[in-house]
Structures are given as structure tokens and as C-alpha cells.
């Protein structure tokens, strides 16, 4: 369902997915950070899957403030800087979930591509677990100091993030952060997203982009198990 999320300068749009079951004990929440394409069928579908798995799931629209190209530039700048209004929006979404009577107060964050970069840096904030998918690593890895547990997924065929899995594994191990980092040999960038690329799908696969079912399903199982442990 579409909702409005209160933020410092008013409110932004978002998608909220709630499990169908009623009268159950409070459950944990998940903030899903969309990729550069914004909230589409894919992002809503993943949020709905988290709801079916027993989570409250919310997808804040980081492009809510209008002017799509301007928003994309601004949001990417925040992601690379590791701070800014977009991170404030994610924290606002977390607070919406944590304050609900049907939430345990435990909230994880999951993100894809651009959203994966946000999910990784946001792990050092107020979230209780983080699941970045093929997210860009921060230039200064010290931003991960004190981060929550992280389960990260990368594709070996992703030419944009070569060596990222090994580098992240080393950084998390060095800091003693509970983690599960995996690189999928048969997958490339966006392997867990069903993106509406149309006629560009063939070209995207040649370039190492695109959905890879087996890798996506294995990553889902890992995230589900990891969140089950750290958001309990």
C-alpha cells in the first residue's frame, strides 16, 4: 500500500507491505532501499516477499521531492558522501516501522545497487542488520566502524564491483562485525532484480547485468536466515 512517511521537511511517499496474518505477536521490520530506477514493480515485489516471510516492509521513495534527474543526482551524491537527506529519509522510515505497535522495534535494511551502497553505510546507524546487494563500497571503510551485522551479496561477473566482496569481507573481519559475504560465480550486477529493460535485456546480459534465478534465490535464503537470527 502507498503511504506517506514523515520527514524533517514534510513527508515523502513510500510503499508499505504488511503480512496478511492478523492477531500475531509483534514482528521485525525491514527498510528496503530502491535502486537507481526508483520504486517500481520489482522493489514493491521484494517488499511484498519480505511481508510474506513475516516482516513489516517499507520502501521510502528517495525521489519523492520531484524533478527525477535532479533527485537522482542529489541522492547519488548523498550515497557517495555517506551522509545527507537521503540517509535521513531512511532513518525516518526506520522510525515509522519501529514505532508501530505490531513491530518488535528491531529493523533491518536491505538495498540493491545504489540502494546497496546506502544499506552498507546505514549499517553503522540505528539499524539492527543490513543486507546490501552489489552495493558500492565506501571509499573510507572506517564508516563501517560499529556497524550492525551485515549479509552482503555480489556477482563475480559484475565488472563494476571487481574485488568488492573480498575487500568487504576483510574490512568486516578486521572490525569484528558479524557478517556473511558471498560472491556468486554465475551472476553479474542486478542479479536479484527483475528490471524492466525491455529490448535492452539481451545487451544487459552480455555486459554482465541482469537477473540470475539460482543466485537470487540462494541470496534470499541467506538474507532470510541472517535476518531471522539478528532481528529476532
Protein backbone atom coordinates (compact mmCIF):
# COMPACT_ATOMS: atom_id res chain seq x y z
CA UNK A 1 0.00 0.00 0.00
CA UNK A 2 1.13 3.56 -0.63
CA UNK A 3 1.89 5.64 2.46
CA UNK A 4 3.37 8.97 3.44
CA UNK A 5 6.49 8.97 5.63
CA UNK A 6 7.03 11.99 7.92
CA UNK A 7 10.47 13.55 7.39
CA UNK A 8 12.21 16.71 8.54
CA UNK A 9 10.93 18.84 5.64
CA UNK A 10 7.42 17.39 5.38
CA UNK A 11 6.65 13.90 4.09
CA UNK A 12 7.77 11.57 1.32
CA UNK A 13 5.99 8.74 -0.48
CA UNK A 14 6.59 5.10 0.30
CA UNK A 15 5.31 1.57 -0.15
CA UNK A 16 4.33 -0.45 2.93
CA UNK A 17 3.88 -4.23 2.89
CA UNK A 18 2.26 -5.94 5.88
CA UNK A 19 1.78 -9.70 6.43
CA UNK A 20 -1.76 -10.94 5.85
CA UNK A 21 -1.94 -12.72 9.21
CA UNK A 22 -3.64 -10.77 11.99
CA UNK A 23 -3.54 -11.11 15.76
CA UNK A 24 0.06 -12.33 15.76
CA UNK A 25 2.86 -11.24 18.08
CA UNK A 26 4.90 -8.17 17.08
CA UNK A 27 7.29 -8.81 14.20
CA UNK A 28 10.52 -7.17 12.99
CA UNK A 29 10.68 -4.64 10.19
CA UNK A 30 12.73 -4.09 7.04
CA UNK A 31 13.50 -0.84 5.23
CA UNK A 32 14.14 -1.55 1.55
CA UNK A 33 16.26 0.95 -0.37
CA UNK A 34 15.38 1.02 -4.08
CA UNK A 35 17.92 1.09 -6.90
CA UNK A 36 18.57 4.00 -9.25
CA UNK A 37 15.34 3.31 -11.15
CA UNK A 38 13.25 4.21 -8.09
CA UNK A 39 10.22 2.40 -6.70
CA UNK A 40 8.85 0.10 -9.37
CA UNK A 41 7.21 -3.30 -9.60
CA UNK A 42 10.46 -5.03 -8.67
CA UNK A 43 11.01 -3.08 -5.43
CA UNK A 44 7.37 -3.46 -4.41
CA UNK A 45 7.52 -7.17 -5.18
CA UNK A 46 10.58 -7.70 -2.98
CA UNK A 47 8.93 -5.76 -0.13
CA UNK A 48 5.84 -7.93 -0.51
CA UNK A 49 8.02 -11.04 -0.35
CA UNK A 50 9.50 -9.84 2.95
CA UNK A 51 5.95 -9.35 4.23
CA UNK A 52 5.02 -12.90 3.24
CA UNK A 53 8.12 -14.03 5.17
CA UNK A 54 6.83 -12.33 8.32
CA UNK A 55 8.27 -8.82 8.23
CA UNK A 56 6.83 -5.34 8.08
CA UNK A 57 8.49 -3.88 4.98
CA UNK A 58 8.68 -0.28 3.88
CA UNK A 59 10.23 1.25 0.75
CA UNK A 60 10.79 5.01 1.08
CA UNK A 61 10.75 6.87 -2.23
CA UNK A 62 14.04 8.77 -2.23
CA UNK A 63 12.90 10.60 -5.38
CA UNK A 64 9.72 11.98 -3.79
CA UNK A 65 10.64 15.62 -3.94
CA UNK A 66 10.16 15.97 -7.70
CA UNK A 67 12.42 16.54 -10.68
CA UNK A 68 13.63 12.99 -11.28
CA UNK A 69 17.02 13.83 -12.79
CA UNK A 70 17.75 16.35 -10.05
CA UNK A 71 16.68 13.82 -7.42
CA UNK A 72 18.88 11.08 -8.86
CA UNK A 73 21.91 13.38 -8.81
CA UNK A 74 21.18 14.52 -5.25
CA UNK A 75 20.54 11.01 -3.92
CA UNK A 76 23.68 9.60 -5.54
CA UNK A 77 25.69 12.46 -4.04
CA UNK A 78 24.34 11.56 -0.59
CA UNK A 79 25.17 7.89 -1.12
CA UNK A 80 28.77 8.65 -2.09
CA UNK A 81 29.19 11.16 0.74
CA UNK A 82 27.80 8.75 3.33
CA UNK A 83 25.50 11.39 4.75
CA UNK A 84 22.70 13.74 3.74
CA UNK A 85 18.94 13.96 3.34
CA UNK A 86 18.58 10.51 1.76
CA UNK A 87 20.06 8.88 4.86
CA UNK A 88 17.72 10.99 6.98
CA UNK A 89 14.82 9.64 4.90
CA UNK A 90 15.94 6.05 5.58
CA UNK A 91 16.13 6.76 9.30
CA UNK A 92 12.65 8.30 9.17
CA UNK A 93 11.34 5.13 7.51
CA UNK A 94 13.03 3.02 10.18
CA UNK A 95 11.37 5.08 12.90
CA UNK A 96 7.94 4.63 11.27
CA UNK A 97 8.32 0.86 11.49
CA UNK A 98 9.90 0.80 14.96
CA UNK A 99 7.06 2.91 16.39
CA UNK A 100 4.30 0.59 15.16
CA UNK A 101 2.53 -1.49 17.79
CA UNK A 102 2.91 -4.58 15.58
CA UNK A 103 6.71 -4.14 15.31
CA UNK A 104 9.23 -5.54 17.78
CA UNK A 105 11.38 -2.44 17.32
CA UNK A 106 14.04 -4.47 15.51
CA UNK A 107 14.52 -3.17 11.96
CA UNK A 108 16.88 -4.28 9.22
CA UNK A 109 17.84 -2.54 5.98
CA UNK A 110 18.23 -4.10 2.55
CA UNK A 111 19.27 -2.35 -0.65
CA UNK A 112 20.03 -3.09 -4.29
CA UNK A 113 22.69 -1.44 -6.47
CA UNK A 114 22.51 2.24 -5.43
CA UNK A 115 20.36 1.07 -2.54
CA UNK A 116 23.01 -1.48 -1.64
CA UNK A 117 25.50 1.34 -1.16
CA UNK A 118 23.04 3.06 1.16
CA UNK A 119 22.31 -0.15 3.08
CA UNK A 120 26.01 -0.73 3.66
CA UNK A 121 26.73 2.73 5.07
CA UNK A 122 23.44 2.80 7.01
CA UNK A 123 24.63 -0.33 8.84
CA UNK A 124 26.62 2.00 11.08
CA UNK A 125 23.43 3.84 12.08
CA UNK A 126 20.42 2.65 14.04
CA UNK A 127 19.57 -0.47 12.04
CA UNK A 128 19.91 -3.92 13.60
CA UNK A 129 21.04 -5.82 10.49
CA UNK A 130 21.93 -4.90 6.92
CA UNK A 131 21.73 -6.74 3.58
CA UNK A 132 23.46 -4.84 0.75
CA UNK A 133 23.18 -6.39 -2.69
CA UNK A 134 26.02 -5.39 -5.10
CA UNK A 135 26.37 -2.03 -3.36
CA UNK A 136 29.30 0.29 -3.96
CA UNK A 137 31.77 0.17 -1.09
CA UNK A 138 32.50 3.41 0.77
CA UNK A 139 35.87 4.98 -0.08
CA UNK A 140 36.59 5.31 3.62
CA UNK A 141 35.89 1.92 5.15
CA UNK A 142 36.08 3.42 8.63
CA UNK A 143 32.41 4.39 8.19
CA UNK A 144 31.73 0.73 8.96
CA UNK A 145 33.16 1.05 12.48
CA UNK A 146 30.49 -0.12 14.89
CA UNK A 147 28.21 -1.39 12.10
CA UNK A 148 25.41 -3.86 12.75
CA UNK A 149 25.67 -7.43 11.36
CA UNK A 150 25.93 -7.45 7.55
CA UNK A 151 24.95 -10.07 4.96
CA UNK A 152 26.24 -8.96 1.55
CA UNK A 153 25.86 -10.41 -1.92
CA UNK A 154 27.86 -9.76 -5.10
CA UNK A 155 28.13 -11.22 -8.60
CA UNK A 156 31.54 -12.31 -9.89
CA UNK A 157 30.60 -11.18 -13.41
CA UNK A 158 29.86 -7.66 -12.14
CA UNK A 159 32.62 -5.63 -13.80
CA UNK A 160 31.64 -2.54 -11.78
CA UNK A 161 32.50 -4.16 -8.43
CA UNK A 162 35.52 -6.36 -9.04
CA UNK A 163 37.16 -7.33 -5.78
CA UNK A 164 34.42 -5.72 -3.68
CA UNK A 165 33.40 -8.94 -1.92
CA UNK A 166 36.97 -9.72 -0.83
CA UNK A 167 37.57 -6.16 0.31
CA UNK A 168 34.34 -6.01 2.30
CA UNK A 169 34.99 -9.41 3.88
CA UNK A 170 38.40 -8.22 5.07
CA UNK A 171 37.03 -4.93 6.42
CA UNK A 172 34.25 -6.62 8.40
CA UNK A 173 36.57 -9.31 9.75
CA UNK A 174 39.07 -6.68 10.85
CA UNK A 175 36.32 -4.84 12.75
CA UNK A 176 34.81 -7.95 14.31
CA UNK A 177 31.43 -7.31 12.70
CA UNK A 178 29.23 -10.43 12.32
CA UNK A 179 28.87 -10.98 8.60
CA UNK A 180 28.15 -13.27 5.68
CA UNK A 181 29.67 -12.09 2.39
CA UNK A 182 29.26 -14.15 -0.76
CA UNK A 183 30.19 -13.66 -4.41
CA UNK A 184 28.18 -15.69 -6.93
CA UNK A 185 30.29 -17.05 -9.82
CA UNK A 186 27.45 -17.17 -12.39
CA UNK A 187 25.91 -13.80 -11.51
CA UNK A 188 26.53 -10.22 -12.50
CA UNK A 189 25.16 -6.87 -11.40
CA UNK A 190 21.44 -6.69 -10.53
CA UNK A 191 21.22 -10.49 -10.35
CA UNK A 192 18.42 -10.31 -7.75
CA UNK A 193 16.32 -7.73 -9.60
CA UNK A 194 13.78 -8.24 -12.37
CA UNK A 195 14.24 -4.89 -14.08
CA UNK A 196 12.03 -3.62 -16.94
CA UNK A 197 14.84 -3.27 -19.50
CA UNK A 198 12.74 -4.48 -22.44
CA UNK A 199 14.83 -4.79 -25.64
CA UNK A 200 17.96 -3.91 -23.63
CA UNK A 201 17.75 -7.18 -21.67
CA UNK A 202 19.95 -9.06 -24.16
CA UNK A 203 22.59 -6.33 -24.18
CA UNK A 204 22.49 -6.12 -20.38
CA UNK A 205 23.21 -9.86 -20.01
CA UNK A 206 26.15 -9.60 -22.42
CA UNK A 207 27.51 -6.76 -20.27
CA UNK A 208 27.17 -8.84 -17.09
CA UNK A 209 23.91 -7.35 -15.84
CA UNK A 210 20.56 -8.98 -15.21
CA UNK A 211 18.54 -11.41 -13.15
CA UNK A 212 20.04 -14.80 -12.27
CA UNK A 213 17.48 -17.01 -10.59
CA UNK A 214 19.68 -19.53 -8.77
CA UNK A 215 21.95 -16.86 -7.30
CA UNK A 216 18.99 -14.67 -6.38
CA UNK A 217 17.22 -17.47 -4.55
CA UNK A 218 20.35 -18.50 -2.65
CA UNK A 219 20.94 -14.89 -1.61
CA UNK A 220 17.31 -14.64 -0.45
CA UNK A 221 17.76 -17.74 1.73
CA UNK A 222 20.95 -16.30 3.24
CA UNK A 223 19.32 -12.94 3.97
CA UNK A 224 16.22 -14.60 5.40
CA UNK A 225 18.31 -16.79 7.73
CA UNK A 226 20.61 -13.93 8.72
CA UNK A 227 17.74 -11.55 9.49
CA UNK A 228 15.96 -14.34 11.34
CA UNK A 229 18.96 -14.57 13.65
CA UNK A 230 19.83 -10.89 14.09
CA UNK A 231 16.35 -9.35 14.09
CA UNK A 232 14.85 -11.89 16.49
